[in-house]
Amino acid sequence: MDDSTRAIILLILIVLLLIMLAFIGANLMYRRAIKAVIRIFRENHALTAGTAKFAIELGFKRTLFQFKGLRDYKPAALQLLMRNNIIQSTDDGRLFLSEETLAQTNLGQQR
């Protein structure tokens, strides 16, 4: 093998390592965001249909542009929790955390 072939192989390995690290980092941030969303609902006592709150009251806003350095994974985590019926919605659009549904998932085992 000549030097140029070694350099190309090394470059490919570095790129693959960086891609793998990006996926692992995104997964960790996503898990952190799920825990943060659950904590937000608990701190705001939005745990039943009677104590449900609007998303804006809980601090979830839809913005077209975010000027933060890191991506905010909480909106995606909120959508995932809603799809799995852990976060439920009232008829008027308020949201609440279903502790019963959460307890049935592996997320409920982690506190």
PDB file of N, CA and C in Angstrom:
ATOM      1  N   MET A   1       0.844  -1.189   0.000  1.00  0.00           N
ATOM      2  CA  MET A   1       0.000   0.000   0.000  1.00  0.00           C
ATOM      3  C   MET A   1       0.885   1.246   0.000  1.00  0.00           C
ATOM      4  N   ASP A   2       0.529   2.164  -0.837  1.00  0.00           N
ATOM      5  CA  ASP A   2       1.299   3.410  -0.844  1.00  0.00           C
ATOM      6  C   ASP A   2       0.679   4.429   0.104  1.00  0.00           C
ATOM      7  N   ASP A   3       1.319   5.558   0.264  1.00  0.00           N
ATOM      8  CA  ASP A   3       0.893   6.581   1.231  1.00  0.00           C
ATOM      9  C   ASP A   3      -0.475   7.179   0.900  1.00  0.00           C
ATOM     10  N   SER A   4      -0.762   7.358  -0.378  1.00  0.00           N
ATOM     11  CA  SER A   4      -2.057   7.953  -0.736  1.00  0.00           C
ATOM     12  C   SER A   4      -3.207   7.001  -0.402  1.00  0.00           C
ATOM     13  N   THR A   5      -3.019   5.709  -0.576  1.00  0.00           N
ATOM     14  CA  THR A   5      -4.052   4.735  -0.231  1.00  0.00           C
ATOM     15  C   THR A   5      -4.287   4.711   1.275  1.00  0.00           C
ATOM     16  N   ARG A   6      -3.211   4.751   2.049  1.00  0.00           N
ATOM     17  CA  ARG A   6      -3.336   4.802   3.505  1.00  0.00           C
ATOM     18  C   ARG A   6      -4.067   6.058   3.958  1.00  0.00           C
ATOM     19  N   ALA A   7      -3.765   7.169   3.335  1.00  0.00           N
ATOM     20  CA  ALA A   7      -4.417   8.433   3.689  1.00  0.00           C
ATOM     21  C   ALA A   7      -5.918   8.377   3.396  1.00  0.00           C
ATOM     22  N   ILE A   8      -6.287   7.787   2.284  1.00  0.00           N
ATOM     23  CA  ILE A   8      -7.705   7.675   1.916  1.00  0.00           C
ATOM     24  C   ILE A   8      -8.429   6.753   2.899  1.00  0.00           C
ATOM     25  N   ILE A   9      -7.815   5.631   3.235  1.00  0.00           N
ATOM     26  CA  ILE A   9      -8.428   4.698   4.191  1.00  0.00           C
ATOM     27  C   ILE A   9      -8.580   5.366   5.546  1.00  0.00           C
ATOM     28  N   LEU A  10      -7.571   6.090   5.985  1.00  0.00           N
ATOM     29  CA  LEU A  10      -7.642   6.808   7.258  1.00  0.00           C
ATOM     30  C   LEU A  10      -8.750   7.860   7.238  1.00  0.00           C
ATOM     31  N   LEU A  11      -8.853   8.580   6.141  1.00  0.00           N
ATOM     32  CA  LEU A  11      -9.904   9.595   6.004  1.00  0.00           C
ATOM     33  C   LEU A  11     -11.291   8.957   6.061  1.00  0.00           C
ATOM     34  N   ILE A  12     -11.467   7.839   5.381  1.00  0.00           N
ATOM     35  CA  ILE A  12     -12.754   7.134   5.403  1.00  0.00           C
ATOM     36  C   ILE A  12     -13.083   6.663   6.814  1.00  0.00           C
ATOM     37  N   LEU A  13     -12.115   6.130   7.528  1.00  0.00           N
ATOM     38  CA  LEU A  13     -12.343   5.685   8.906  1.00  0.00           C
ATOM     39  C   LEU A  13     -12.713   6.849   9.823  1.00  0.00           C
ATOM     40  N   ILE A  14     -12.079   7.971   9.650  1.00  0.00           N
ATOM     41  CA  ILE A  14     -12.394   9.150  10.462  1.00  0.00           C
ATOM     42  C   ILE A  14     -13.807   9.630  10.183  1.00  0.00           C
ATOM     43  N   VAL A  15     -14.197   9.663   8.911  1.00  0.00           N
ATOM     44  CA  VAL A  15     -15.554  10.094   8.554  1.00  0.00           C
ATOM     45  C   VAL A  15     -16.590   9.139   9.145  1.00  0.00           C
ATOM     46  N   LEU A  16     -16.339   7.837   9.049  1.00  0.00           N
ATOM     47  CA  LEU A  16     -17.270   6.858   9.628  1.00  0.00           C
ATOM     48  C   LEU A  16     -17.371   7.017  11.141  1.00  0.00           C
ATOM     49  N   LEU A  17     -16.267   7.268  11.797  1.00  0.00           N
ATOM     50  CA  LEU A  17     -16.271   7.493  13.245  1.00  0.00           C
ATOM     51  C   LEU A  17     -17.075   8.738  13.603  1.00  0.00           C
ATOM     52  N   LEU A  18     -16.911   9.805  12.841  1.00  0.00           N
ATOM     53  CA  LEU A  18     -17.666  11.034  13.107  1.00  0.00           C
ATOM     54  C   LEU A  18     -19.165  10.833  12.894  1.00  0.00           C
ATOM     55  N   ILE A  19     -19.536  10.079  11.877  1.00  0.00           N
ATOM     56  CA  ILE A  19     -20.959   9.793  11.637  1.00  0.00           C
ATOM     57  C   ILE A  19     -21.531   8.983  12.794  1.00  0.00           C
ATOM     58  N   MET A  20     -20.785   7.994  13.250  1.00  0.00           N
ATOM     59  CA  MET A  20     -21.237   7.178  14.374  1.00  0.00           C
ATOM     60  C   MET A  20     -21.392   8.022  15.637  1.00  0.00           C
ATOM     61  N   LEU A  21     -20.450   8.898  15.890  1.00  0.00           N
ATOM     62  CA  LEU A  21     -20.538   9.773  17.060  1.00  0.00           C
ATOM     63  C   LEU A  21     -21.736  10.720  16.961  1.00  0.00           C
ATOM     64  N   ALA A  22     -22.054  11.186  15.760  1.00  0.00           N
ATOM     65  CA  ALA A  22     -23.214  12.068  15.577  1.00  0.00           C
ATOM     66  C   ALA A  22     -24.510  11.330  15.922  1.00  0.00           C
ATOM     67  N   PHE A  23     -24.641  10.089  15.491  1.00  0.00           N
ATOM     68  CA  PHE A  23     -25.842   9.312  15.809  1.00  0.00           C
ATOM     69  C   PHE A  23     -25.953   9.030  17.299  1.00  0.00           C
ATOM     70  N   ILE A  24     -24.855   8.693  17.925  1.00  0.00           N
ATOM     71  CA  ILE A  24     -24.872   8.427  19.362  1.00  0.00           C
ATOM     72  C   ILE A  24     -25.222   9.697  20.131  1.00  0.00           C
ATOM     73  N   GLY A  25     -24.634  10.813  19.727  1.00  0.00           N
ATOM     74  CA  GLY A  25     -24.920  12.092  20.390  1.00  0.00           C
ATOM     75  C   GLY A  25     -26.380  12.493  20.246  1.00  0.00           C
ATOM     76  N   ALA A  26     -26.934  12.322  19.062  1.00  0.00           N
ATOM     77  CA  ALA A  26     -28.341  12.671  18.835  1.00  0.00           C
ATOM     78  C   ALA A  26     -29.253  11.786  19.678  1.00  0.00           C
ATOM     79  N   ASN A  27     -28.928  10.516  19.780  1.00  0.00           N
ATOM     80  CA  ASN A  27     -29.726   9.595  20.585  1.00  0.00           C
ATOM     81  C   ASN A  27     -29.701  10.003  22.058  1.00  0.00           C
ATOM     82  N   LEU A  28     -28.541  10.359  22.556  1.00  0.00           N
ATOM     83  CA  LEU A  28     -28.431  10.804  23.952  1.00  0.00           C
ATOM     84  C   LEU A  28     -29.223  12.088  24.188  1.00  0.00           C
ATOM     85  N   MET A  29     -29.137  13.021  23.261  1.00  0.00           N
ATOM     86  CA  MET A  29     -29.877  14.285  23.404  1.00  0.00           C
ATOM     87  C   MET A  29     -31.384  14.039  23.356  1.00  0.00           C
ATOM     88  N   TYR A  30     -31.812  13.102  22.529  1.00  0.00           N
ATOM     89  CA  TYR A  30     -33.229  12.777  22.407  1.00  0.00           C
ATOM     90  C   TYR A  30     -33.754  12.172  23.706  1.00  0.00           C
ATOM     91  N   ARG A  31     -32.986  11.257  24.297  1.00  0.00           N
ATOM     92  CA  ARG A  31     -33.391  10.657  25.580  1.00  0.00           C
ATOM     93  C   ARG A  31     -33.454  11.715  26.677  1.00  0.00           C
ATOM     94  N   ARG A  32     -32.494  12.605  26.687  1.00  0.00           N
ATOM     95  CA  ARG A  32     -32.493  13.700  27.665  1.00  0.00           C
ATOM     96  C   ARG A  32     -33.726  14.585  27.503  1.00  0.00           C
ATOM     97  N   ALA A  33     -34.097  14.851  26.253  1.00  0.00           N
ATOM     98  CA  ALA A  33     -35.261  15.694  25.978  1.00  0.00           C
ATOM     99  C   ALA A  33     -36.548  15.020  26.448  1.00  0.00           C
ATOM    100  N   ILE A  34     -36.661  13.711  26.287  1.00  0.00           N
ATOM    101  CA  ILE A  34     -37.851  12.994  26.756  1.00  0.00           C
ATOM    102  C   ILE A  34     -37.983  13.143  28.262  1.00  0.00           C
ATOM    103  N   LYS A  35     -36.882  12.954  28.973  1.00  0.00           N
ATOM    104  CA  LYS A  35     -36.907  13.115  30.433  1.00  0.00           C
ATOM    105  C   LYS A  35     -37.250  14.552  30.820  1.00  0.00           C
ATOM    106  N   ALA A  36     -36.737  15.518  30.066  1.00  0.00           N
ATOM    107  CA  ALA A  36     -37.020  16.929  30.353  1.00  0.00           C
ATOM    108  C   ALA A  36     -38.494  17.250  30.143  1.00  0.00           C
ATOM    109  N   VAL A  37     -39.089  16.712  29.088  1.00  0.00           N
ATOM    110  CA  VAL A  37     -40.518  16.948  28.816  1.00  0.00           C
ATOM    111  C   VAL A  37     -41.365  16.367  29.935  1.00  0.00           C
ATOM    112  N   ILE A  38     -41.057  15.156  30.360  1.00  0.00           N
ATOM    113  CA  ILE A  38     -41.797  14.531  31.464  1.00  0.00           C
ATOM    114  C   ILE A  38     -41.657  15.380  32.729  1.00  0.00           C
ATOM    115  N   ARG A  39     -40.458  15.864  33.000  1.00  0.00           N
ATOM    116  CA  ARG A  39     -40.213  16.699  34.175  1.00  0.00           C
ATOM    117  C   ARG A  39     -41.013  18.009  34.105  1.00  0.00           C
ATOM    118  N   ILE A  40     -41.099  18.597  32.918  1.00  0.00           N
ATOM    119  CA  ILE A  40     -41.863  19.844  32.746  1.00  0.00           C
ATOM    120  C   ILE A  40     -43.330  19.625  33.107  1.00  0.00           C
ATOM    121  N   PHE A  41     -43.908  18.532  32.639  1.00  0.00           N
ATOM    122  CA  PHE A  41     -45.307  18.252  32.949  1.00  0.00           C
ATOM    123  C   PHE A  41     -45.499  18.024  34.448  1.00  0.00           C
ATOM    124  N   ARG A  42     -44.583  17.300  35.064  1.00  0.00           N
ATOM    125  CA  ARG A  42     -44.693  17.057  36.504  1.00  0.00           C
ATOM    126  C   ARG A  42     -44.525  18.343  37.304  1.00  0.00           C
ATOM    127  N   GLU A  43     -43.564  19.158  36.954  1.00  0.00           N
ATOM    128  CA  GLU A  43     -43.333  20.410  37.684  1.00  0.00           C
ATOM    129  C   GLU A  43     -44.515  21.369  37.562  1.00  0.00           C
ATOM    130  N   ASN A  44     -45.215  21.311  36.428  1.00  0.00           N
ATOM    131  CA  ASN A  44     -46.371  22.179  36.212  1.00  0.00           C
ATOM    132  C   ASN A  44     -47.682  21.519  36.636  1.00  0.00           C
ATOM    133  N   HIS A  45     -47.591  20.351  37.236  1.00  0.00           N
ATOM    134  CA  HIS A  45     -48.751  19.608  37.743  1.00  0.00           C
ATOM    135  C   HIS A  45     -49.802  19.377  36.661  1.00  0.00           C
ATOM    136  N   ALA A  46     -49.363  19.167  35.434  1.00  0.00           N
ATOM    137  CA  ALA A  46     -50.268  18.863  34.323  1.00  0.00           C
ATOM    138  C   ALA A  46     -50.344  17.349  34.197  1.00  0.00           C
ATOM    139  N   LEU A  47     -51.057  16.737  35.151  1.00  0.00           N
ATOM    140  CA  LEU A  47     -51.065  15.275  35.255  1.00  0.00           C
ATOM    141  C   LEU A  47     -52.440  14.657  35.044  1.00  0.00           C
ATOM    142  N   THR A  48     -53.460  15.470  34.935  1.00  0.00           N
ATOM    143  CA  THR A  48     -54.814  14.978  34.662  1.00  0.00           C
ATOM    144  C   THR A  48     -55.482  15.923  33.671  1.00  0.00           C
ATOM    145  N   ALA A  49     -56.623  15.484  33.137  1.00  0.00           N
ATOM    146  CA  ALA A  49     -57.352  16.342  32.203  1.00  0.00           C
ATOM    147  C   ALA A  49     -57.785  17.640  32.888  1.00  0.00           C
ATOM    148  N   GLY A  50     -58.069  17.575  34.184  1.00  0.00           N
ATOM    149  CA  GLY A  50     -58.489  18.771  34.918  1.00  0.00           C
ATOM    150  C   GLY A  50     -57.369  19.772  35.156  1.00  0.00           C
ATOM    151  N   THR A  51     -56.141  19.301  35.208  1.00  0.00           N
ATOM    152  CA  THR A  51     -55.008  20.200  35.454  1.00  0.00           C
ATOM    153  C   THR A  51     -54.155  20.403  34.203  1.00  0.00           C
ATOM    154  N   ALA A  52     -54.672  19.983  33.052  1.00  0.00           N
ATOM    155  CA  ALA A  52     -53.937  20.088  31.789  1.00  0.00           C
ATOM    156  C   ALA A  52     -53.640  21.547  31.458  1.00  0.00           C
ATOM    157  N   LYS A  53     -52.568  21.753  30.719  1.00  0.00           N
ATOM    158  CA  LYS A  53     -52.138  23.113  30.348  1.00  0.00           C
ATOM    159  C   LYS A  53     -51.896  23.168  28.842  1.00  0.00           C
ATOM    160  N   PHE A  54     -51.997  24.382  28.312  1.00  0.00           N
ATOM    161  CA  PHE A  54     -51.668  24.582  26.902  1.00  0.00           C
ATOM    162  C   PHE A  54     -50.158  24.481  26.722  1.00  0.00           C
ATOM    163  N   ALA A  55     -49.730  24.056  25.535  1.00  0.00           N
ATOM    164  CA  ALA A  55     -48.303  23.866  25.247  1.00  0.00           C
ATOM    165  C   ALA A  55     -47.513  25.152  25.508  1.00  0.00           C
ATOM    166  N   ILE A  56     -48.070  26.279  25.176  1.00  0.00           N
ATOM    167  CA  ILE A  56     -47.375  27.553  25.378  1.00  0.00           C
ATOM    168  C   ILE A  56     -47.158  27.835  26.871  1.00  0.00           C
ATOM    169  N   GLU A  57     -48.107  27.410  27.711  1.00  0.00           N
ATOM    170  CA  GLU A  57     -47.965  27.579  29.157  1.00  0.00           C
ATOM    171  C   GLU A  57     -46.832  26.725  29.717  1.00  0.00           C
ATOM    172  N   LEU A  58     -46.582  25.610  29.057  1.00  0.00           N
ATOM    173  CA  LEU A  58     -45.534  24.693  29.501  1.00  0.00           C
ATOM    174  C   LEU A  58     -44.164  25.052  28.931  1.00  0.00           C
ATOM    175  N   GLY A  59     -44.138  26.048  28.050  1.00  0.00           N
ATOM    176  CA  GLY A  59     -42.874  26.497  27.481  1.00  0.00           C
ATOM    177  C   GLY A  59     -42.540  25.906  26.130  1.00  0.00           C
ATOM    178  N   PHE A  60     -43.496  25.231  25.514  1.00  0.00           N
ATOM    179  CA  PHE A  60     -43.266  24.679  24.182  1.00  0.00           C
ATOM    180  C   PHE A  60     -43.779  25.675  23.156  1.00  0.00           C
ATOM    181  N   LYS A  61     -42.876  26.181  22.349  1.00  0.00           N
ATOM    182  CA  LYS A  61     -43.237  27.150  21.319  1.00  0.00           C
ATOM    183  C   LYS A  61     -42.765  26.630  19.983  1.00  0.00           C
ATOM    184  N   ARG A  62     -43.500  26.944  18.969  1.00  0.00           N
ATOM    185  CA  ARG A  62     -43.055  26.616  17.615  1.00  0.00           C
ATOM    186  C   ARG A  62     -42.413  27.860  17.026  1.00  0.00           C
ATOM    187  N   THR A  63     -41.154  27.740  16.708  1.00  0.00           N
ATOM    188  CA  THR A  63     -40.466  28.855  16.064  1.00  0.00           C
ATOM    189  C   THR A  63     -39.872  28.369  14.749  1.00  0.00           C
ATOM    190  N   LEU A  64     -39.876  29.234  13.764  1.00  0.00           N
ATOM    191  CA  LEU A  64     -39.299  28.864  12.484  1.00  0.00           C
ATOM    192  C   LEU A  64     -37.783  28.867  12.532  1.00  0.00           C
ATOM    193  N   PHE A  65     -37.244  29.807  13.289  1.00  0.00           N
ATOM    194  CA  PHE A  65     -35.797  29.928  13.362  1.00  0.00           C
ATOM    195  C   PHE A  65     -35.357  29.826  14.803  1.00  0.00           C
ATOM    196  N   GLN A  66     -34.341  29.012  15.034  1.00  0.00           N
ATOM    197  CA  GLN A  66     -33.775  28.905  16.363  1.00  0.00           C
ATOM    198  C   GLN A  66     -32.327  29.357  16.277  1.00  0.00           C
ATOM    199  N   PHE A  67     -31.958  30.244  17.168  1.00  0.00           N
ATOM    200  CA  PHE A  67     -30.613  30.782  17.132  1.00  0.00           C
ATOM    201  C   PHE A  67     -29.737  30.183  18.213  1.00  0.00           C
ATOM    202  N   LYS A  68     -30.117  29.027  18.724  1.00  0.00           N
ATOM    203  CA  LYS A  68     -29.310  28.343  19.722  1.00  0.00           C
ATOM    204  C   LYS A  68     -28.207  27.570  19.010  1.00  0.00           C
ATOM    205  N   GLY A  69     -27.172  27.250  19.759  1.00  0.00           N
ATOM    206  CA  GLY A  69     -26.084  26.482  19.188  1.00  0.00           C
ATOM    207  C   GLY A  69     -26.461  25.036  18.961  1.00  0.00           C
ATOM    208  N   LEU A  70     -27.275  24.473  19.842  1.00  0.00           N
ATOM    209  CA  LEU A  70     -27.671  23.077  19.725  1.00  0.00           C
ATOM    210  C   LEU A  70     -29.140  22.972  19.355  1.00  0.00           C
ATOM    211  N   ARG A  71     -29.478  21.907  18.692  1.00  0.00           N
ATOM    212  CA  ARG A  71     -30.870  21.663  18.323  1.00  0.00           C
ATOM    213  C   ARG A  71     -31.678  21.362  19.570  1.00  0.00           C
ATOM    214  N   ASP A  72     -32.903  21.879  19.623  1.00  0.00           N
ATOM    215  CA  ASP A  72     -33.810  21.600  20.733  1.00  0.00           C
ATOM    216  C   ASP A  72     -34.611  20.348  20.386  1.00  0.00           C
ATOM    217  N   TYR A  73     -34.382  19.288  21.133  1.00  0.00           N
ATOM    218  CA  TYR A  73     -35.037  18.011  20.875  1.00  0.00           C
ATOM    219  C   TYR A  73     -36.382  17.890  21.597  1.00  0.00           C
ATOM    220  N   LYS A  74     -36.738  18.855  22.452  1.00  0.00           N
ATOM    221  CA  LYS A  74     -37.980  18.734  23.221  1.00  0.00           C
ATOM    222  C   LYS A  74     -39.240  18.692  22.356  1.00  0.00           C
ATOM    223  N   PRO A  75     -39.373  19.507  21.313  1.00  0.00           N
ATOM    224  CA  PRO A  75     -40.589  19.386  20.487  1.00  0.00           C
ATOM    225  C   PRO A  75     -40.744  17.993  19.857  1.00  0.00           C
ATOM    226  N   ALA A  76     -39.649  17.412  19.401  1.00  0.00           N
ATOM    227  CA  ALA A  76     -39.716  16.064  18.828  1.00  0.00           C
ATOM    228  C   ALA A  76     -40.039  15.041  19.917  1.00  0.00           C
ATOM    229  N   ALA A  77     -39.483  15.223  21.095  1.00  0.00           N
ATOM    230  CA  ALA A  77     -39.768  14.319  22.211  1.00  0.00           C
ATOM    231  C   ALA A  77     -41.241  14.427  22.611  1.00  0.00           C
ATOM    232  N   LEU A  78     -41.771  15.650  22.624  1.00  0.00           N
ATOM    233  CA  LEU A  78     -43.186  15.853  22.937  1.00  0.00           C
ATOM    234  C   LEU A  78     -44.063  15.115  21.925  1.00  0.00           C
ATOM    235  N   GLN A  79     -43.730  15.219  20.637  1.00  0.00           N
ATOM    236  CA  GLN A  79     -44.506  14.538  19.600  1.00  0.00           C
ATOM    237  C   GLN A  79     -44.453  13.020  19.769  1.00  0.00           C
ATOM    238  N   LEU A  80     -43.283  12.494  20.107  1.00  0.00           N
ATOM    239  CA  LEU A  80     -43.145  11.053  20.337  1.00  0.00           C
ATOM    240  C   LEU A  80     -44.004  10.609  21.515  1.00  0.00           C
ATOM    241  N   LEU A  81     -43.974  11.370  22.601  1.00  0.00           N
ATOM    242  CA  LEU A  81     -44.770  11.033  23.782  1.00  0.00           C
ATOM    243  C   LEU A  81     -46.268  11.131  23.485  1.00  0.00           C
ATOM    244  N   MET A  82     -46.654  12.066  22.632  1.00  0.00           N
ATOM    245  CA  MET A  82     -48.062  12.183  22.245  1.00  0.00           C
ATOM    246  C   MET A  82     -48.483  11.003  21.367  1.00  0.00           C
ATOM    247  N   ARG A  83     -47.618  10.596  20.439  1.00  0.00           N
ATOM    248  CA  ARG A  83     -47.933   9.443  19.576  1.00  0.00           C
ATOM    249  C   ARG A  83     -48.102   8.165  20.387  1.00  0.00           C
ATOM    250  N   ASN A  84     -47.376   8.062  21.495  1.00  0.00           N
ATOM    251  CA  ASN A  84     -47.465   6.879  22.352  1.00  0.00           C
ATOM    252  C   ASN A  84     -48.474   7.047  23.474  1.00  0.00           C
ATOM    253  N   ASN A  85     -49.279   8.115  23.404  1.00  0.00           N
ATOM    254  CA  ASN A  85     -50.369   8.380  24.344  1.00  0.00           C
ATOM    255  C   ASN A  85     -49.888   8.617  25.779  1.00  0.00           C
ATOM    256  N   ILE A  86     -48.615   8.917  25.947  1.00  0.00           N
ATOM    257  CA  ILE A  86     -48.091   9.252  27.268  1.00  0.00           C
ATOM    258  C   ILE A  86     -48.470  10.691  27.605  1.00  0.00           C
ATOM    259  N   ILE A  87     -48.372  11.563  26.616  1.00  0.00           N
ATOM    260  CA  ILE A  87     -48.905  12.922  26.732  1.00  0.00           C
ATOM    261  C   ILE A  87     -50.232  12.901  25.987  1.00  0.00           C
ATOM    262  N   GLN A  88     -51.284  13.278  26.684  1.00  0.00           N
ATOM    263  CA  GLN A  88     -52.620  13.250  26.093  1.00  0.00           C
ATOM    264  C   GLN A  88     -53.173  14.658  25.987  1.00  0.00           C
ATOM    265  N   SER A  89     -54.147  14.803  25.125  1.00  0.00           N
ATOM    266  CA  SER A  89     -54.728  16.111  24.842  1.00  0.00           C
ATOM    267  C   SER A  89     -56.207  16.125  25.215  1.00  0.00           C
ATOM    268  N   THR A  90     -56.650  17.265  25.734  1.00  0.00           N
ATOM    269  CA  THR A  90     -58.077  17.447  26.018  1.00  0.00           C
ATOM    270  C   THR A  90     -58.764  17.955  24.752  1.00  0.00           C
ATOM    271  N   ASP A  91     -60.079  18.066  24.793  1.00  0.00           N
ATOM    272  CA  ASP A  91     -60.825  18.534  23.618  1.00  0.00           C
ATOM    273  C   ASP A  91     -60.443  19.951  23.208  1.00  0.00           C
ATOM    274  N   ASP A  92     -60.048  20.777  24.187  1.00  0.00           N
ATOM    275  CA  ASP A  92     -59.702  22.157  23.865  1.00  0.00           C
ATOM    276  C   ASP A  92     -58.205  22.353  23.579  1.00  0.00           C
ATOM    277  N   GLY A  93     -57.446  21.261  23.478  1.00  0.00           N
ATOM    278  CA  GLY A  93     -56.048  21.354  23.081  1.00  0.00           C
ATOM    279  C   GLY A  93     -55.040  21.438  24.213  1.00  0.00           C
ATOM    280  N   ARG A  94     -55.519  21.359  25.456  1.00  0.00           N
ATOM    281  CA  ARG A  94     -54.570  21.369  26.573  1.00  0.00           C
ATOM    282  C   ARG A  94     -53.933  19.985  26.688  1.00  0.00           C
ATOM    283  N   LEU A  95     -52.734  19.940  27.265  1.00  0.00           N
ATOM    284  CA  LEU A  95     -51.966  18.703  27.348  1.00  0.00           C
ATOM    285  C   LEU A  95     -51.736  18.287  28.792  1.00  0.00           C
ATOM    286  N   PHE A  96     -51.650  16.969  28.994  1.00  0.00           N
ATOM    287  CA  PHE A  96     -51.308  16.466  30.326  1.00  0.00           C
ATOM    288  C   PHE A  96     -50.566  15.148  30.199  1.00  0.00           C
ATOM    289  N   LEU A  97     -49.785  14.836  31.220  1.00  0.00           N
ATOM    290  CA  LEU A  97     -48.999  13.607  31.276  1.00  0.00           C
ATOM    291  C   LEU A  97     -49.840  12.511  31.910  1.00  0.00           C
ATOM    292  N   SER A  98     -49.961  11.389  31.228  1.00  0.00           N
ATOM    293  CA  SER A  98     -50.665  10.233  31.775  1.00  0.00           C
ATOM    294  C   SER A  98     -49.645   9.362  32.499  1.00  0.00           C
ATOM    295  N   GLU A  99     -49.621   9.469  33.809  1.00  0.00           N
ATOM    296  CA  GLU A  99     -48.676   8.674  34.600  1.00  0.00           C
ATOM    297  C   GLU A  99     -48.951   7.184  34.445  1.00  0.00           C
ATOM    298  N   GLU A 100     -50.221   6.806  34.258  1.00  0.00           N
ATOM    299  CA  GLU A 100     -50.578   5.399  34.084  1.00  0.00           C
ATOM    300  C   GLU A 100     -49.951   4.826  32.819  1.00  0.00           C
ATOM    301  N   THR A 101     -50.086   5.544  31.715  1.00  0.00           N
ATOM    302  CA  THR A 101     -49.506   5.089  30.456  1.00  0.00           C
ATOM    303  C   THR A 101     -47.982   5.093  30.538  1.00  0.00           C
ATOM    304  N   LEU A 102     -47.425   6.107  31.167  1.00  0.00           N
ATOM    305  CA  LEU A 102     -45.973   6.193  31.326  1.00  0.00           C
ATOM    306  C   LEU A 102     -45.444   5.009  32.125  1.00  0.00           C
ATOM    307  N   ALA A 103     -46.158   4.608  33.170  1.00  0.00           N
ATOM    308  CA  ALA A 103     -45.720   3.506  34.017  1.00  0.00           C
ATOM    309  C   ALA A 103     -45.685   2.182  33.249  1.00  0.00           C
ATOM    310  N   GLN A 104     -46.476   2.074  32.197  1.00  0.00           N
ATOM    311  CA  GLN A 104     -46.525   0.841  31.406  1.00  0.00           C
ATOM    312  C   GLN A 104     -45.380   0.745  30.390  1.00  0.00           C
ATOM    313  N   THR A 105     -44.616   1.823  30.257  1.00  0.00           N
ATOM    314  CA  THR A 105     -43.509   1.823  29.292  1.00  0.00           C
ATOM    315  C   THR A 105     -42.184   1.667  30.031  1.00  0.00           C
ATOM    316  N   ASN A 106     -41.129   1.452  29.264  1.00  0.00           N
ATOM    317  CA  ASN A 106     -39.813   1.384  29.899  1.00  0.00           C
ATOM    318  C   ASN A 106     -39.340   2.763  30.358  1.00  0.00           C
ATOM    319  N   LEU A 107     -39.956   3.825  29.866  1.00  0.00           N
ATOM    320  CA  LEU A 107     -39.625   5.175  30.346  1.00  0.00           C
ATOM    321  C   LEU A 107     -40.090   5.366  31.782  1.00  0.00           C
ATOM    322  N   GLY A 108     -41.197   4.707  32.134  1.00  0.00           N
ATOM    323  CA  GLY A 108     -41.730   4.834  33.474  1.00  0.00           C
ATOM    324  C   GLY A 108     -40.844   4.190  34.523  1.00  0.00           C
ATOM    325  N   GLN A 109     -40.010   3.272  34.113  1.00  0.00           N
ATOM    326  CA  GLN A 109     -39.114   2.611  35.054  1.00  0.00           C
ATOM    327  C   GLN A 109     -37.944   3.502  35.429  1.00  0.00           C
ATOM    328  N   GLN A 110     -37.615   4.462  34.565  1.00  0.00           N
ATOM    329  CA  GLN A 110     -36.490   5.363  34.810  1.00  0.00           C
ATOM    330  C   GLN A 110     -37.001   6.645  35.450  1.00  0.00           C
ATOM    331  N   ARG A 111     -36.470   7.025  36.541  1.00  0.00           N
ATOM    332  CA  ARG A 111     -36.884   8.278  37.188  1.00  0.00           C
ATOM    333  C   ARG A 111     -35.736   9.214  37.302  1.00  0.00           C
TER     334      ARG A 111
END
